[in-house]
């Protein structure tokens, strides 16, 4: 039958944004047919927001309802800050920068074992992958909308990402974004973790920052702004000498087991 479409677009906190309606023609049973195209003009926002599109189709005294989540991120450009380094590998130079009071966003070449990750959780019974995510309390989440787990806004960030795997010689830490391991391979894995190093701060982040995506650009912006602000939350201390001793080491699963057993892997 022919019918009428009504829709609203609002923030998840209940803030109303816009609404609309339109009529649609007869839809033949058993067919797939476009009934409307929504063109939603958003107001200028300075921060990210989670939104919901709610749609109701009314026809012949019947109502069908559906809703979809959207995450909106302001457009930002990479900003340079002389106190914050963004590096894809920990080197003697970047380590010295942090030790002397600077800040570092480390996006690769972690001084510990790492695993390649994907967005979807592992298949039941499989040993690789993760079984879920936990978003721990941290100031960065005030500016990146989430509900305590990695929903679809994390898809571009987590696809082809790399986790930091804790070993016995690392400081005990609570990941900012933690990956829950499967029951066959119990270990603490993090996609974002923060450490106090010398006089400075280091965030180890394994998100895929190579993808050109609004969520990716915004997450990097939020992390950089947090590091440049200097108003840090408490974080475990990772000793500078211990970090320096890890430079040049290729961290493999065998290397992690050696460290856990009290030994040291050899340099590459």
Protein backbone atom coordinates (compact mmCIF):
# COMPACT_ATOMS: atom_id res chain seq x y z
CA UNK A 1 0.00 0.00 0.00
CA UNK A 2 0.93 3.64 -0.22
CA UNK A 3 1.91 5.27 3.05
CA UNK A 4 3.62 8.05 4.92
CA UNK A 5 7.17 8.21 6.27
CA UNK A 6 8.05 10.23 9.38
CA UNK A 7 11.55 10.60 10.78
CA UNK A 8 13.60 12.36 13.46
CA UNK A 9 17.34 12.83 13.81
CA UNK A 10 18.60 13.60 17.31
CA UNK A 11 21.57 13.15 19.62
CA UNK A 12 21.55 10.15 21.95
CA UNK A 13 21.31 12.56 24.90
CA UNK A 14 17.87 13.57 23.62
CA UNK A 15 18.90 16.84 21.96
CA UNK A 16 16.54 17.34 19.02
CA UNK A 17 18.15 18.22 15.70
CA UNK A 18 15.69 17.91 12.83
CA UNK A 19 12.57 16.02 11.70
CA UNK A 20 10.67 15.49 8.45
CA UNK A 21 8.04 13.46 6.61
CA UNK A 22 7.09 12.38 3.10
CA UNK A 23 4.60 10.16 1.27
CA UNK A 24 5.55 7.02 -0.62
CA UNK A 25 3.79 5.17 -3.43
CA UNK A 26 2.50 1.61 -3.51
CA UNK A 27 5.17 -0.94 -2.60
CA UNK A 28 4.57 -4.32 -4.18
CA UNK A 29 4.79 -7.27 -1.75
CA UNK A 30 8.00 -9.27 -2.13
CA UNK A 31 9.95 -6.39 -3.68
CA UNK A 32 12.71 -4.11 -2.45
CA UNK A 33 12.01 -0.47 -3.20
CA UNK A 34 13.46 2.90 -2.21
CA UNK A 35 10.74 4.99 -0.58
CA UNK A 36 12.69 8.13 0.43
CA UNK A 37 16.07 9.82 0.45
CA UNK A 38 16.87 11.94 3.49
CA UNK A 39 19.07 15.01 3.15
CA UNK A 40 19.95 16.06 6.70
CA UNK A 41 21.81 19.35 7.16
CA UNK A 42 23.70 19.32 10.46
CA UNK A 43 24.48 22.45 12.46
CA UNK A 44 28.17 23.30 12.98
CA UNK A 45 29.55 21.27 15.90
CA UNK A 46 32.88 21.66 17.66
CA UNK A 47 32.75 18.20 19.23
CA UNK A 48 31.80 14.67 18.20
CA UNK A 49 28.34 13.27 18.90
CA UNK A 50 26.39 10.03 18.73
CA UNK A 51 23.04 10.38 16.98
CA UNK A 52 19.98 8.27 16.19
CA UNK A 53 17.84 8.33 13.06
CA UNK A 54 14.32 7.09 13.93
CA UNK A 55 11.94 6.28 11.08
CA UNK A 56 8.27 5.28 11.11
CA UNK A 57 6.34 4.07 8.04
CA UNK A 58 2.52 4.22 8.37
CA UNK A 59 0.17 2.47 5.93
CA UNK A 60 -3.22 0.70 6.12
CA UNK A 61 -3.41 1.25 9.88
CA UNK A 62 -0.01 -0.41 10.39
CA UNK A 63 3.22 1.15 11.64
CA UNK A 64 6.73 -0.15 11.01
CA UNK A 65 9.57 1.40 13.01
CA UNK A 66 13.34 1.25 12.77
CA UNK A 67 16.34 3.24 13.99
CA UNK A 68 20.02 3.56 13.08
CA UNK A 69 23.01 4.98 14.95
CA UNK A 70 25.24 7.61 13.40
CA UNK A 71 28.46 9.11 14.78
CA UNK A 72 29.29 12.65 13.72
CA UNK A 73 32.86 13.95 13.87
CA UNK A 74 33.92 17.55 13.14
CA UNK A 75 36.41 18.03 10.35
CA UNK A 76 39.91 18.55 11.75
CA UNK A 77 43.38 18.84 10.32
CA UNK A 78 46.61 17.51 11.84
CA UNK A 79 47.96 20.21 14.13
CA UNK A 80 51.63 20.47 14.99
CA UNK A 81 52.66 20.86 18.61
CA UNK A 82 56.34 21.12 19.48
CA UNK A 83 55.82 19.30 22.78
CA UNK A 84 53.95 16.34 21.26
CA UNK A 85 55.70 13.88 18.95
CA UNK A 86 53.77 11.37 16.84
CA UNK A 87 56.06 8.46 15.93
CA UNK A 88 55.63 5.05 14.35
CA UNK A 89 58.61 3.63 16.25
CA UNK A 90 60.23 4.14 19.63
CA UNK A 91 63.82 5.30 19.14
CA UNK A 92 66.52 6.73 21.37
CA UNK A 93 65.60 10.22 20.17
CA UNK A 94 61.85 9.93 20.82
CA UNK A 95 62.50 8.25 24.18
CA UNK A 96 64.79 11.12 25.20
CA UNK A 97 62.06 13.61 24.21
CA UNK A 98 59.60 11.95 26.62
CA UNK A 99 62.13 11.44 29.40
CA UNK A 100 62.93 15.17 29.38
CA UNK A 101 59.26 16.16 29.83
CA UNK A 102 57.77 15.91 26.33
CA UNK A 103 54.80 13.87 25.17
CA UNK A 104 54.74 11.02 22.67
CA UNK A 105 51.94 9.37 20.70
CA UNK A 106 53.48 6.04 19.70
CA UNK A 107 51.53 4.46 16.83
CA UNK A 108 53.80 1.52 15.96
CA UNK A 109 57.09 -0.21 16.67
CA UNK A 110 56.01 -0.89 20.25
CA UNK A 111 58.69 -1.85 22.82
CA UNK A 112 56.78 -5.08 23.55
CA UNK A 113 54.91 -7.82 21.73
CA UNK A 114 52.11 -6.81 19.41
CA UNK A 115 49.32 -8.60 17.56
CA UNK A 116 47.40 -7.59 14.44
CA UNK A 117 43.73 -7.04 15.29
CA UNK A 118 40.41 -6.68 13.50
CA UNK A 119 37.10 -5.09 14.45
CA UNK A 120 35.01 -8.26 14.68
CA UNK A 121 35.40 -10.59 17.63
CA UNK A 122 36.87 -14.04 17.13
CA UNK A 123 34.81 -17.05 16.07
CA UNK A 124 33.85 -19.38 18.91
CA UNK A 125 36.53 -22.00 19.48
CA UNK A 126 39.24 -20.12 17.59
CA UNK A 127 42.39 -19.05 19.43
CA UNK A 128 43.23 -15.92 17.42
CA UNK A 129 41.54 -12.56 17.76
CA UNK A 130 39.69 -11.07 20.72
CA UNK A 131 36.39 -11.85 22.44
CA UNK A 132 35.25 -8.28 23.03
CA UNK A 133 36.29 -4.79 24.10
CA UNK A 134 36.21 -2.77 27.32
CA UNK A 135 36.39 1.04 27.30
CA UNK A 136 37.98 2.03 30.62
CA UNK A 137 37.45 5.42 32.24
CA UNK A 138 39.76 8.08 30.80
CA UNK A 139 39.46 11.81 29.91
CA UNK A 140 39.72 11.16 26.13
CA UNK A 141 36.32 9.43 26.11
CA UNK A 142 34.62 12.70 27.06
CA UNK A 143 35.27 13.77 23.47
CA UNK A 144 34.85 10.49 21.62
CA UNK A 145 31.27 9.13 21.87
CA UNK A 146 31.03 5.54 23.12
CA UNK A 147 28.93 3.43 25.46
CA UNK A 148 31.59 1.33 27.15
CA UNK A 149 32.37 -0.91 24.19
CA UNK A 150 33.59 -0.65 20.60
CA UNK A 151 30.54 -0.07 18.39
CA UNK A 152 30.70 0.61 14.64
CA UNK A 153 32.35 4.01 15.14
CA UNK A 154 35.50 2.01 15.97
CA UNK A 155 35.43 -0.05 12.76
CA UNK A 156 37.92 2.06 10.71
CA UNK A 157 40.18 2.47 13.76
CA UNK A 158 40.32 -1.22 14.70
CA UNK A 159 40.57 -2.76 11.23
CA UNK A 160 44.25 -3.68 10.71
CA UNK A 161 45.13 -2.26 14.12
CA UNK A 162 47.88 -3.54 16.44
CA UNK A 163 47.53 -4.34 20.12
CA UNK A 164 50.12 -3.93 22.87
CA UNK A 165 50.54 -7.24 24.73
CA UNK A 166 51.68 -7.02 28.34
CA UNK A 167 54.67 -9.09 29.47
CA UNK A 168 56.04 -9.86 32.93
CA UNK A 169 58.64 -7.05 32.90
CA UNK A 170 56.21 -4.30 31.90
CA UNK A 171 54.50 -2.11 34.51
CA UNK A 172 51.03 -3.30 35.47
CA UNK A 173 48.59 -1.06 33.65
CA UNK A 174 44.90 -0.63 32.89
CA UNK A 175 44.38 -0.18 29.15
CA UNK A 176 42.36 2.81 28.00
CA UNK A 177 40.79 0.52 25.41
CA UNK A 178 41.22 -3.15 26.34
CA UNK A 179 40.74 -6.21 24.15
CA UNK A 180 39.29 -9.25 25.90
CA UNK A 181 41.33 -12.34 24.93
CA UNK A 182 39.80 -15.67 24.07
CA UNK A 183 39.92 -18.34 26.79
CA UNK A 184 42.74 -20.21 24.99
CA UNK A 185 45.21 -17.29 25.05
CA UNK A 186 44.80 -15.32 28.28
CA UNK A 187 46.80 -12.08 28.18
CA UNK A 188 46.29 -8.38 28.71
CA UNK A 189 45.96 -6.61 25.35
CA UNK A 190 45.48 -2.91 24.78
CA UNK A 191 44.74 -0.72 21.77
CA UNK A 192 45.40 2.43 23.82
CA UNK A 193 47.56 2.60 26.95
CA UNK A 194 49.17 5.51 28.80
CA UNK A 195 52.48 5.51 30.67
CA UNK A 196 54.51 8.01 32.66
CA UNK A 197 58.06 7.96 31.29
CA UNK A 198 60.68 10.07 33.04
CA UNK A 199 59.33 13.61 33.22
CA UNK A 200 56.91 13.11 30.32
CA UNK A 201 54.00 11.04 29.01
CA UNK A 202 53.65 8.34 26.38
CA UNK A 203 50.46 6.96 24.87
CA UNK A 204 50.85 3.69 22.99
CA UNK A 205 48.05 3.52 20.44
CA UNK A 206 47.67 0.74 17.88
CA UNK A 207 44.73 2.19 15.95
CA UNK A 208 44.97 2.24 12.16
CA UNK A 209 45.72 5.92 11.62
CA UNK A 210 46.49 5.35 7.92
CA UNK A 211 42.82 5.24 6.93
CA UNK A 212 41.28 8.51 5.72
CA UNK A 213 38.14 8.54 7.85
CA UNK A 214 36.42 11.18 10.07
CA UNK A 215 36.58 8.96 13.17
CA UNK A 216 40.28 8.26 12.58
CA UNK A 217 41.17 11.94 12.17
CA UNK A 218 39.10 12.91 15.22
CA UNK A 219 40.61 10.22 17.48
CA UNK A 220 44.14 11.33 16.58
CA UNK A 221 43.09 14.94 17.23
CA UNK A 222 41.66 14.05 20.66
CA UNK A 223 44.78 12.10 21.70
CA UNK A 224 47.11 14.88 20.54
CA UNK A 225 45.07 17.54 22.36
CA UNK A 226 45.11 15.48 25.55
CA UNK A 227 48.89 15.06 25.39
CA UNK A 228 49.46 18.73 24.61
CA UNK A 229 47.21 19.89 27.47
CA UNK A 230 49.44 18.54 30.23
CA UNK A 231 46.48 17.85 32.55
CA UNK A 232 47.18 14.13 32.73
CA UNK A 233 45.39 11.43 34.66
CA UNK A 234 47.37 8.98 36.79
CA UNK A 235 49.38 6.44 34.79
CA UNK A 236 51.88 3.67 35.63
CA UNK A 237 55.59 4.43 35.41
CA UNK A 238 57.57 2.71 32.64
CA UNK A 239 61.22 3.09 33.62
CA UNK A 240 63.36 4.88 31.05
CA UNK A 241 66.24 2.41 31.49
CA UNK A 242 63.89 -0.54 30.94
CA UNK A 243 62.50 1.07 27.78
CA UNK A 244 66.00 1.87 26.53
CA UNK A 245 67.01 -1.78 27.02
CA UNK A 246 64.17 -2.81 24.70
CA UNK A 247 65.26 -0.65 21.77
CA UNK A 248 66.37 -2.71 18.78
CA UNK A 249 64.64 -5.88 19.97
CA UNK A 250 62.23 -7.66 17.61
CA UNK A 251 59.37 -8.68 19.88
CA UNK A 252 57.85 -12.00 18.90
CA UNK A 253 55.72 -14.49 20.80
CA UNK A 254 58.91 -16.36 21.69
CA UNK A 255 60.45 -13.12 22.94
CA UNK A 256 57.44 -12.51 25.18
CA UNK A 257 57.73 -16.00 26.68
CA UNK A 258 61.44 -15.44 27.37
CA UNK A 259 60.67 -12.17 29.16
CA UNK A 260 57.86 -13.76 31.17
CA UNK A 261 60.29 -16.50 32.20
CA UNK A 262 62.82 -13.95 33.37
CA UNK A 263 65.09 -14.02 30.34
CA UNK A 264 65.86 -11.36 27.72
CA UNK A 265 65.45 -11.69 23.96
CA UNK A 266 68.44 -10.79 21.81
CA UNK A 267 68.60 -7.67 19.67
CA UNK A 268 67.87 -7.93 15.97
